[in-house]
Structures are given as structure tokens and as C-alpha cells.
Amino acid sequence: MINFEEELKKFHPSPEVEDITDTIYNQDMTDLADLLVKLVKEEKEERESEANA
């Protein structure tokens, strides 16, 4: 039978996985929602500037 407590003591995470997760979380990644918000904001600002001109 497997002794889970003993197996957990032996566990060591892979250094490559740790490096990859650090890289992923430290990236300033823009997703589709960010792009849509930016486009809507720019369009709103453009319309406001045209209305004020």
C-alpha cells in the first residue's frame, strides 16, 4: 500500500516548471478583453474630441 505522507516528503518540483511559471506570471500579457477595452476607450475619446471641436 502507498504511504502518501512518505511520498509527499520525497516530492521535489521540477526546476523547469518553476522557471516557466515565474516567466509566465511576470509577463505583461495583453488578452482579448484588454484589447477590446482599449479600443472602446480610444473610440470614446475620439468621439469626445470630435464633439468638442
PDB file of N, CA and C in Angstrom:
ATOM      1  N   MET A   1       0.834  -1.175   0.000  1.00  0.00           N
ATOM      2  CA  MET A   1       0.000   0.000   0.000  1.00  0.00           C
ATOM      3  C   MET A   1       0.891   1.256   0.000  1.00  0.00           C
ATOM      4  N   ILE A   2       0.409   2.299  -0.635  1.00  0.00           N
ATOM      5  CA  ILE A   2       1.189   3.530  -0.770  1.00  0.00           C
ATOM      6  C   ILE A   2       1.023   4.383   0.490  1.00  0.00           C
ATOM      7  N   ASN A   3       2.171   4.802   1.029  1.00  0.00           N
ATOM      8  CA  ASN A   3       2.166   5.717   2.165  1.00  0.00           C
ATOM      9  C   ASN A   3       2.301   7.132   1.601  1.00  0.00           C
ATOM     10  N   PHE A   4       1.179   7.852   1.528  1.00  0.00           N
ATOM     11  CA  PHE A   4       1.165   9.159   0.899  1.00  0.00           C
ATOM     12  C   PHE A   4       2.034  10.177   1.631  1.00  0.00           C
ATOM     13  N   GLU A   5       2.093  10.089   2.917  1.00  0.00           N
ATOM     14  CA  GLU A   5       2.928  11.029   3.679  1.00  0.00           C
ATOM     15  C   GLU A   5       4.392  10.869   3.291  1.00  0.00           C
ATOM     16  N   GLU A   6       4.850   9.645   3.154  1.00  0.00           N
ATOM     17  CA  GLU A   6       6.238   9.390   2.761  1.00  0.00           C
ATOM     18  C   GLU A   6       6.495   9.856   1.328  1.00  0.00           C
ATOM     19  N   GLU A   7       5.556   9.603   0.454  1.00  0.00           N
ATOM     20  CA  GLU A   7       5.702  10.024  -0.941  1.00  0.00           C
ATOM     21  C   GLU A   7       5.749  11.546  -1.056  1.00  0.00           C
ATOM     22  N   LEU A   8       4.953  12.243  -0.271  1.00  0.00           N
ATOM     23  CA  LEU A   8       4.964  13.707  -0.298  1.00  0.00           C
ATOM     24  C   LEU A   8       6.292  14.265   0.206  1.00  0.00           C
ATOM     25  N   LYS A   9       6.896  13.581   1.159  1.00  0.00           N
ATOM     26  CA  LYS A   9       8.201  14.034   1.658  1.00  0.00           C
ATOM     27  C   LYS A   9       9.274  13.920   0.577  1.00  0.00           C
ATOM     28  N   LYS A  10       9.148  12.953  -0.326  1.00  0.00           N
ATOM     29  CA  LYS A  10      10.119  12.735  -1.395  1.00  0.00           C
ATOM     30  C   LYS A  10       9.918  13.690  -2.573  1.00  0.00           C
ATOM     31  N   PHE A  11       8.770  14.321  -2.637  1.00  0.00           N
ATOM     32  CA  PHE A  11       8.436  15.144  -3.791  1.00  0.00           C
ATOM     33  C   PHE A  11       9.284  16.406  -3.853  1.00  0.00           C
ATOM     34  N   HIS A  12       9.807  16.682  -5.041  1.00  0.00           N
ATOM     35  CA  HIS A  12      10.536  17.916  -5.332  1.00  0.00           C
ATOM     36  C   HIS A  12      10.047  18.415  -6.687  1.00  0.00           C
ATOM     37  N   PRO A  13       9.531  19.645  -6.753  1.00  0.00           N
ATOM     38  CA  PRO A  13       9.044  20.145  -8.037  1.00  0.00           C
ATOM     39  C   PRO A  13      10.171  20.288  -9.048  1.00  0.00           C
ATOM     40  N   SER A  14       9.835  20.126 -10.279  1.00  0.00           N
ATOM     41  CA  SER A  14      10.802  20.259 -11.362  1.00  0.00           C
ATOM     42  C   SER A  14      11.244  21.714 -11.477  1.00  0.00           C
ATOM     43  N   PRO A  15      12.554  21.979 -11.528  1.00  0.00           N
ATOM     44  CA  PRO A  15      13.028  23.366 -11.653  1.00  0.00           C
ATOM     45  C   PRO A  15      12.549  24.030 -12.945  1.00  0.00           C
ATOM     46  N   GLU A  16      12.419  23.244 -14.025  1.00  0.00           N
ATOM     47  CA  GLU A  16      11.958  23.806 -15.287  1.00  0.00           C
ATOM     48  C   GLU A  16      10.542  24.348 -15.157  1.00  0.00           C
ATOM     49  N   VAL A  17       9.696  23.628 -14.442  1.00  0.00           N
ATOM     50  CA  VAL A  17       8.318  24.067 -14.256  1.00  0.00           C
ATOM     51  C   VAL A  17       8.289  25.350 -13.443  1.00  0.00           C
ATOM     52  N   GLU A  18       9.108  25.428 -12.420  1.00  0.00           N
ATOM     53  CA  GLU A  18       9.175  26.648 -11.612  1.00  0.00           C
ATOM     54  C   GLU A  18       9.635  27.835 -12.453  1.00  0.00           C
ATOM     55  N   ASP A  19      10.630  27.620 -13.302  1.00  0.00           N
ATOM     56  CA  ASP A  19      11.128  28.701 -14.162  1.00  0.00           C
ATOM     57  C   ASP A  19      10.053  29.163 -15.134  1.00  0.00           C
ATOM     58  N   ILE A  20       9.334  28.220 -15.697  1.00  0.00           N
ATOM     59  CA  ILE A  20       8.298  28.558 -16.666  1.00  0.00           C
ATOM     60  C   ILE A  20       7.174  29.337 -15.992  1.00  0.00           C
ATOM     61  N   THR A  21       6.728  28.900 -14.829  1.00  0.00           N
ATOM     62  CA  THR A  21       5.635  29.611 -14.163  1.00  0.00           C
ATOM     63  C   THR A  21       6.062  31.014 -13.768  1.00  0.00           C
ATOM     64  N   ASP A  22       7.291  31.188 -13.324  1.00  0.00           N
ATOM     65  CA  ASP A  22       7.790  32.528 -12.998  1.00  0.00           C
ATOM     66  C   ASP A  22       7.775  33.415 -14.244  1.00  0.00           C
ATOM     67  N   THR A  23       8.211  32.864 -15.356  1.00  0.00           N
ATOM     68  CA  THR A  23       8.244  33.621 -16.605  1.00  0.00           C
ATOM     69  C   THR A  23       6.838  34.008 -17.041  1.00  0.00           C
ATOM     70  N   ILE A  24       5.917  33.080 -16.960  1.00  0.00           N
ATOM     71  CA  ILE A  24       4.540  33.346 -17.381  1.00  0.00           C
ATOM     72  C   ILE A  24       3.906  34.411 -16.503  1.00  0.00           C
ATOM     73  N   TYR A  25       4.039  34.289 -15.199  1.00  0.00           N
ATOM     74  CA  TYR A  25       3.397  35.241 -14.306  1.00  0.00           C
ATOM     75  C   TYR A  25       4.037  36.616 -14.350  1.00  0.00           C
ATOM     76  N   ASN A  26       5.294  36.714 -14.746  1.00  0.00           N
ATOM     77  CA  ASN A  26       5.976  38.001 -14.788  1.00  0.00           C
ATOM     78  C   ASN A  26       5.814  38.717 -16.126  1.00  0.00           C
ATOM     79  N   GLN A  27       5.159  38.083 -17.087  1.00  0.00           N
ATOM     80  CA  GLN A  27       4.934  38.709 -18.390  1.00  0.00           C
ATOM     81  C   GLN A  27       3.752  39.658 -18.320  1.00  0.00           C
ATOM     82  N   ASP A  28       3.874  40.761 -19.013  1.00  0.00           N
ATOM     83  CA  ASP A  28       2.762  41.696 -19.134  1.00  0.00           C
ATOM     84  C   ASP A  28       2.016  41.315 -20.407  1.00  0.00           C
ATOM     85  N   MET A  29       1.126  40.356 -20.265  1.00  0.00           N
ATOM     86  CA  MET A  29       0.429  39.819 -21.425  1.00  0.00           C
ATOM     87  C   MET A  29      -0.919  40.512 -21.602  1.00  0.00           C
ATOM     88  N   THR A  30      -1.193  40.904 -22.820  1.00  0.00           N
ATOM     89  CA  THR A  30      -2.460  41.535 -23.149  1.00  0.00           C
ATOM     90  C   THR A  30      -3.372  40.470 -23.742  1.00  0.00           C
ATOM     91  N   ASP A  31      -4.572  40.369 -23.212  1.00  0.00           N
ATOM     92  CA  ASP A  31      -5.515  39.406 -23.766  1.00  0.00           C
ATOM     93  C   ASP A  31      -6.589  40.140 -24.567  1.00  0.00           C
ATOM     94  N   LEU A  32      -7.500  39.397 -25.120  1.00  0.00           N
ATOM     95  CA  LEU A  32      -8.527  39.972 -25.974  1.00  0.00           C
ATOM     96  C   LEU A  32      -9.374  40.995 -25.230  1.00  0.00           C
ATOM     97  N   ALA A  33      -9.702  40.724 -23.988  1.00  0.00           N
ATOM     98  CA  ALA A  33     -10.507  41.667 -23.201  1.00  0.00           C
ATOM     99  C   ALA A  33      -9.770  42.995 -23.040  1.00  0.00           C
ATOM    100  N   ASP A  34      -8.467  42.955 -22.788  1.00  0.00           N
ATOM    101  CA  ASP A  34      -7.680  44.184 -22.670  1.00  0.00           C
ATOM    102  C   ASP A  34      -7.700  44.977 -23.971  1.00  0.00           C
ATOM    103  N   LEU A  35      -7.585  44.261 -25.101  1.00  0.00           N
ATOM    104  CA  LEU A  35      -7.607  44.939 -26.388  1.00  0.00           C
ATOM    105  C   LEU A  35      -8.952  45.593 -26.651  1.00  0.00           C
ATOM    106  N   LEU A  36     -10.030  44.899 -26.328  1.00  0.00           N
ATOM    107  CA  LEU A  36     -11.360  45.459 -26.534  1.00  0.00           C
ATOM    108  C   LEU A  36     -11.588  46.696 -25.669  1.00  0.00           C
ATOM    109  N   VAL A  37     -11.167  46.644 -24.426  1.00  0.00           N
ATOM    110  CA  VAL A  37     -11.308  47.798 -23.534  1.00  0.00           C
ATOM    111  C   VAL A  37     -10.522  48.986 -24.095  1.00  0.00           C
ATOM    112  N   LYS A  38      -9.323  48.733 -24.576  1.00  0.00           N
ATOM    113  CA  LYS A  38      -8.501  49.804 -25.147  1.00  0.00           C
ATOM    114  C   LYS A  38      -9.168  50.409 -26.377  1.00  0.00           C
ATOM    115  N   LEU A  39      -9.694  49.562 -27.253  1.00  0.00           N
ATOM    116  CA  LEU A  39     -10.354  50.061 -28.455  1.00  0.00           C
ATOM    117  C   LEU A  39     -11.585  50.892 -28.126  1.00  0.00           C
ATOM    118  N   VAL A  40     -12.389  50.437 -27.183  1.00  0.00           N
ATOM    119  CA  VAL A  40     -13.588  51.174 -26.790  1.00  0.00           C
ATOM    120  C   VAL A  40     -13.200  52.514 -26.180  1.00  0.00           C
ATOM    121  N   LYS A  41     -12.162  52.520 -25.349  1.00  0.00           N
ATOM    122  CA  LYS A  41     -11.709  53.759 -24.718  1.00  0.00           C
ATOM    123  C   LYS A  41     -11.214  54.750 -25.770  1.00  0.00           C
ATOM    124  N   GLU A  42     -10.428  54.259 -26.727  1.00  0.00           N
ATOM    125  CA  GLU A  42      -9.923  55.131 -27.781  1.00  0.00           C
ATOM    126  C   GLU A  42     -11.064  55.696 -28.627  1.00  0.00           C
ATOM    127  N   GLU A  43     -12.037  54.861 -28.946  1.00  0.00           N
ATOM    128  CA  GLU A  43     -13.183  55.318 -29.736  1.00  0.00           C
ATOM    129  C   GLU A  43     -13.979  56.377 -28.983  1.00  0.00           C
ATOM    130  N   LYS A  44     -14.165  56.162 -27.688  1.00  0.00           N
ATOM    131  CA  LYS A  44     -14.898  57.124 -26.864  1.00  0.00           C
ATOM    132  C   LYS A  44     -14.150  58.461 -26.824  1.00  0.00           C
ATOM    133  N   GLU A  45     -12.835  58.416 -26.625  1.00  0.00           N
ATOM    134  CA  GLU A  45     -12.033  59.638 -26.590  1.00  0.00           C
ATOM    135  C   GLU A  45     -12.079  60.360 -27.928  1.00  0.00           C
ATOM    136  N   GLU A  46     -12.050  59.605 -29.013  1.00  0.00           N
ATOM    137  CA  GLU A  46     -12.096  60.208 -30.340  1.00  0.00           C
ATOM    138  C   GLU A  46     -13.434  60.913 -30.572  1.00  0.00           C
ATOM    139  N   ARG A  47     -14.503  60.273 -30.171  1.00  0.00           N
ATOM    140  CA  ARG A  47     -15.829  60.890 -30.331  1.00  0.00           C
ATOM    141  C   ARG A  47     -15.970  62.134 -29.468  1.00  0.00           C
ATOM    142  N   GLU A  48     -15.431  62.093 -28.242  1.00  0.00           N
ATOM    143  CA  GLU A  48     -15.484  63.266 -27.364  1.00  0.00           C
ATOM    144  C   GLU A  48     -14.682  64.418 -27.946  1.00  0.00           C
ATOM    145  N   SER A  49     -13.525  64.126 -28.517  1.00  0.00           N
ATOM    146  CA  SER A  49     -12.700  65.194 -29.094  1.00  0.00           C
ATOM    147  C   SER A  49     -13.381  65.789 -30.324  1.00  0.00           C
ATOM    148  N   GLU A  50     -14.066  64.962 -31.117  1.00  0.00           N
ATOM    149  CA  GLU A  50     -14.800  65.470 -32.266  1.00  0.00           C
ATOM    150  C   GLU A  50     -15.987  66.326 -31.831  1.00  0.00           C
ATOM    151  N   ALA A  51     -16.640  65.941 -30.755  1.00  0.00           N
ATOM    152  CA  ALA A  51     -17.796  66.683 -30.262  1.00  0.00           C
ATOM    153  C   ALA A  51     -17.362  68.042 -29.693  1.00  0.00           C
ATOM    154  N   ASN A  52     -16.168  68.111 -29.137  1.00  0.00           N
ATOM    155  CA  ASN A  52     -15.670  69.359 -28.543  1.00  0.00           C
ATOM    156  C   ASN A  52     -15.052  70.297 -29.581  1.00  0.00           C
ATOM    157  N   ALA A  53     -14.806  69.764 -30.766  1.00  0.00           N
ATOM    158  CA  ALA A  53     -14.156  70.594 -31.797  1.00  0.00           C
ATOM    159  C   ALA A  53     -15.133  71.467 -32.547  1.00  0.00           C
TER     160      ALA A  53
END
